[in-house]
Amino acid sequence: MPARSTTLWIATAIVVLEAVAVWAYIVFLAVATSGEAGAWRVIGYFALYAVAFTVLSVGLWRRRKWTRAPLIVLQLLLSVAGFSLVNNGAPAGAVLVVLAVGCAGLLLVSQTREALG
């Protein structure tokens, strides 16, 4: 198997960061909305993303080829969410867009494809 490329290292770090951030947001939502009736639906929605990012980050760390396509799709969805945040005046959306587009780009370069086998 080819050596782990720098692009794969950076993409893996971004996906792990995203997974940790979503899990932290779930904890924040659980604490902040503990008394509200419909809060668990929103928390469940974010939990799906958290599980997906966690599974895909482990797969990317283990250099599984199947992780590329779902991660690219998730990154594109995140970039759309980031643009929506930017349009509504939230500066955190710009960070989300940069990370998502950067990670998708890193997953598409030839060094990452070769490192994944």
C-alpha atoms as a PDB file:
ATOM      1  CA  MET A   1       0.000   0.000   0.000  1.00  0.00           C
ATOM      2  CA  PRO A   2       1.374   3.466  -0.859  1.00  0.00           C
ATOM      3  CA  ALA A   3       2.555   5.758   1.908  1.00  0.00           C
ATOM      4  CA  ARG A   4       0.048   8.028   3.618  1.00  0.00           C
ATOM      5  CA  SER A   5       0.217  11.346   1.783  1.00  0.00           C
ATOM      6  CA  THR A   6       0.123  14.772   3.372  1.00  0.00           C
ATOM      7  CA  THR A   7      -3.186  15.474   1.656  1.00  0.00           C
ATOM      8  CA  LEU A   8      -4.685  12.375   3.266  1.00  0.00           C
ATOM      9  CA  TRP A   9      -3.357  13.433   6.684  1.00  0.00           C
ATOM     10  CA  ILE A  10      -4.906  16.887   6.362  1.00  0.00           C
ATOM     11  CA  ALA A  11      -8.234  15.546   5.052  1.00  0.00           C
ATOM     12  CA  THR A  12      -8.384  13.042   7.913  1.00  0.00           C
ATOM     13  CA  ALA A  13      -7.648  15.793  10.435  1.00  0.00           C
ATOM     14  CA  ILE A  14     -10.436  17.958   9.002  1.00  0.00           C
ATOM     15  CA  VAL A  15     -12.963  15.113   9.147  1.00  0.00           C
ATOM     16  CA  VAL A  16     -11.968  14.245  12.728  1.00  0.00           C
ATOM     17  CA  LEU A  17     -12.318  17.931  13.649  1.00  0.00           C
ATOM     18  CA  GLU A  18     -15.776  18.015  12.062  1.00  0.00           C
ATOM     19  CA  ALA A  19     -16.820  14.870  13.935  1.00  0.00           C
ATOM     20  CA  VAL A  20     -15.640  16.279  17.265  1.00  0.00           C
ATOM     21  CA  ALA A  21     -17.373  19.599  16.548  1.00  0.00           C
ATOM     22  CA  VAL A  22     -20.702  17.922  15.776  1.00  0.00           C
ATOM     23  CA  TRP A  23     -20.498  15.778  18.931  1.00  0.00           C
ATOM     24  CA  ALA A  24     -19.718  18.907  20.973  1.00  0.00           C
ATOM     25  CA  TYR A  25     -22.676  20.705  19.386  1.00  0.00           C
ATOM     26  CA  ILE A  26     -24.925  17.787  20.329  1.00  0.00           C
ATOM     27  CA  VAL A  27     -23.817  18.095  23.956  1.00  0.00           C
ATOM     28  CA  PHE A  28     -24.436  21.845  23.816  1.00  0.00           C
ATOM     29  CA  LEU A  29     -27.919  21.312  22.345  1.00  0.00           C
ATOM     30  CA  ALA A  30     -28.767  18.674  24.940  1.00  0.00           C
ATOM     31  CA  VAL A  31     -27.827  21.013  27.782  1.00  0.00           C
ATOM     32  CA  ALA A  32     -29.310  24.184  26.280  1.00  0.00           C
ATOM     33  CA  THR A  33     -32.647  22.646  25.285  1.00  0.00           C
ATOM     34  CA  SER A  34     -33.142  20.160  28.107  1.00  0.00           C
ATOM     35  CA  GLY A  35     -36.726  21.211  28.837  1.00  0.00           C
ATOM     36  CA  GLU A  36     -38.056  21.649  25.299  1.00  0.00           C
ATOM     37  CA  ALA A  37     -40.273  18.981  23.774  1.00  0.00           C
ATOM     38  CA  GLY A  38     -39.062  18.949  20.160  1.00  0.00           C
ATOM     39  CA  ALA A  39     -35.377  19.357  20.913  1.00  0.00           C
ATOM     40  CA  TRP A  40     -34.594  15.660  20.656  1.00  0.00           C
ATOM     41  CA  ARG A  41     -35.602  15.632  17.004  1.00  0.00           C
ATOM     42  CA  VAL A  42     -32.967  18.244  16.222  1.00  0.00           C
ATOM     43  CA  ILE A  43     -30.409  16.460  18.384  1.00  0.00           C
ATOM     44  CA  GLY A  44     -31.191  13.196  16.585  1.00  0.00           C
ATOM     45  CA  TYR A  45     -30.688  14.885  13.229  1.00  0.00           C
ATOM     46  CA  PHE A  46     -27.248  16.129  14.257  1.00  0.00           C
ATOM     47  CA  ALA A  47     -26.468  12.739  15.804  1.00  0.00           C
ATOM     48  CA  LEU A  48     -26.855  11.158  12.357  1.00  0.00           C
ATOM     49  CA  TYR A  49     -24.212  13.534  11.030  1.00  0.00           C
ATOM     50  CA  ALA A  50     -21.980  12.885  14.043  1.00  0.00           C
ATOM     51  CA  VAL A  51     -22.124   9.121  13.566  1.00  0.00           C
ATOM     52  CA  ALA A  52     -21.496   9.487   9.824  1.00  0.00           C
ATOM     53  CA  PHE A  53     -18.465  11.728  10.359  1.00  0.00           C
ATOM     54  CA  THR A  54     -17.121   9.404  13.052  1.00  0.00           C
ATOM     55  CA  VAL A  55     -17.455   6.260  10.922  1.00  0.00           C
ATOM     56  CA  LEU A  56     -16.044   7.987   7.860  1.00  0.00           C
ATOM     57  CA  SER A  57     -13.112   9.475   9.773  1.00  0.00           C
ATOM     58  CA  VAL A  58     -12.182   6.019  11.075  1.00  0.00           C
ATOM     59  CA  GLY A  59     -12.494   4.621   7.551  1.00  0.00           C
ATOM     60  CA  LEU A  60     -10.353   7.411   6.158  1.00  0.00           C
ATOM     61  CA  TRP A  61      -7.739   6.835   8.879  1.00  0.00           C
ATOM     62  CA  ARG A  62      -7.684   3.143   7.926  1.00  0.00           C
ATOM     63  CA  ARG A  63      -7.341   4.206   4.286  1.00  0.00           C
ATOM     64  CA  ARG A  64     -10.558   2.655   3.031  1.00  0.00           C
ATOM     65  CA  LYS A  65     -11.335   3.646  -0.532  1.00  0.00           C
ATOM     66  CA  TRP A  66     -15.126   3.662   0.008  1.00  0.00           C
ATOM     67  CA  THR A  67     -14.912   6.677   2.345  1.00  0.00           C
ATOM     68  CA  ARG A  68     -14.125   9.191  -0.400  1.00  0.00           C
ATOM     69  CA  ALA A  69     -17.530   9.461  -2.094  1.00  0.00           C
ATOM     70  CA  PRO A  70     -19.685   9.818   1.046  1.00  0.00           C
ATOM     71  CA  LEU A  71     -17.230  12.331   2.490  1.00  0.00           C
ATOM     72  CA  ILE A  72     -17.265  14.442  -0.655  1.00  0.00           C
ATOM     73  CA  VAL A  73     -21.080  14.478  -0.573  1.00  0.00           C
ATOM     74  CA  LEU A  74     -21.110  15.445   3.126  1.00  0.00           C
ATOM     75  CA  GLN A  75     -18.549  18.182   2.505  1.00  0.00           C
ATOM     76  CA  LEU A  76     -20.677  19.618  -0.291  1.00  0.00           C
ATOM     77  CA  LEU A  77     -23.729  19.576   1.999  1.00  0.00           C
ATOM     78  CA  LEU A  78     -21.686  21.360   4.670  1.00  0.00           C
ATOM     79  CA  SER A  79     -20.579  23.999   2.195  1.00  0.00           C
ATOM     80  CA  VAL A  80     -24.227  24.727   1.330  1.00  0.00           C
ATOM     81  CA  ALA A  81     -25.033  25.018   5.048  1.00  0.00           C
ATOM     82  CA  GLY A  82     -22.027  27.307   5.466  1.00  0.00           C
ATOM     83  CA  PHE A  83     -23.162  29.575   2.629  1.00  0.00           C
ATOM     84  CA  SER A  84     -26.583  29.761   4.260  1.00  0.00           C
ATOM     85  CA  LEU A  85     -24.959  30.804   7.539  1.00  0.00           C
ATOM     86  CA  VAL A  86     -22.861  33.446   5.775  1.00  0.00           C
ATOM     87  CA  ASN A  87     -25.954  34.867   4.067  1.00  0.00           C
ATOM     88  CA  ASN A  88     -27.665  35.137   7.458  1.00  0.00           C
ATOM     89  CA  GLY A  89     -24.748  37.032   8.973  1.00  0.00           C
ATOM     90  CA  ALA A  90     -22.992  34.253  10.904  1.00  0.00           C
ATOM     91  CA  PRO A  91     -19.214  34.489  10.382  1.00  0.00           C
ATOM     92  CA  ALA A  92     -18.763  30.853  11.455  1.00  0.00           C
ATOM     93  CA  GLY A  93     -20.290  29.906   8.109  1.00  0.00           C
ATOM     94  CA  ALA A  94     -17.181  31.139   6.303  1.00  0.00           C
ATOM     95  CA  VAL A  95     -15.018  28.798   8.369  1.00  0.00           C
ATOM     96  CA  LEU A  96     -17.392  25.948   7.576  1.00  0.00           C
ATOM     97  CA  VAL A  97     -17.248  26.695   3.845  1.00  0.00           C
ATOM     98  CA  VAL A  98     -13.438  26.863   3.816  1.00  0.00           C
ATOM     99  CA  LEU A  99     -13.083  23.577   5.726  1.00  0.00           C
ATOM    100  CA  ALA A 100     -15.702  21.767   3.641  1.00  0.00           C
ATOM    101  CA  VAL A 101     -14.438  22.902   0.245  1.00  0.00           C
ATOM    102  CA  GLY A 102     -10.837  22.365   1.319  1.00  0.00           C
ATOM    103  CA  CYS A 103     -11.537  18.833   2.502  1.00  0.00           C
ATOM    104  CA  ALA A 104     -13.489  17.978  -0.659  1.00  0.00           C
ATOM    105  CA  GLY A 105     -10.604  19.298  -2.731  1.00  0.00           C
ATOM    106  CA  LEU A 106      -8.086  17.267  -0.741  1.00  0.00           C
ATOM    107  CA  LEU A 107     -10.169  14.134  -1.256  1.00  0.00           C
ATOM    108  CA  LEU A 108     -10.188  14.713  -5.017  1.00  0.00           C
ATOM    109  CA  VAL A 109      -6.451  15.183  -5.605  1.00  0.00           C
ATOM    110  CA  SER A 110      -4.451  12.327  -7.081  1.00  0.00           C
ATOM    111  CA  GLN A 111      -2.140  11.932  -4.063  1.00  0.00           C
ATOM    112  CA  THR A 112      -5.106  11.126  -1.824  1.00  0.00           C
ATOM    113  CA  ARG A 113      -6.617   8.738  -4.356  1.00  0.00           C
ATOM    114  CA  GLU A 114      -3.306   6.899  -4.665  1.00  0.00           C
ATOM    115  CA  ALA A 115      -2.821   6.777  -0.878  1.00  0.00           C
ATOM    116  CA  LEU A 116      -6.282   5.239  -0.476  1.00  0.00           C
ATOM    117  CA  GLY A 117      -5.387   2.546  -2.980  1.00  0.00           C
END
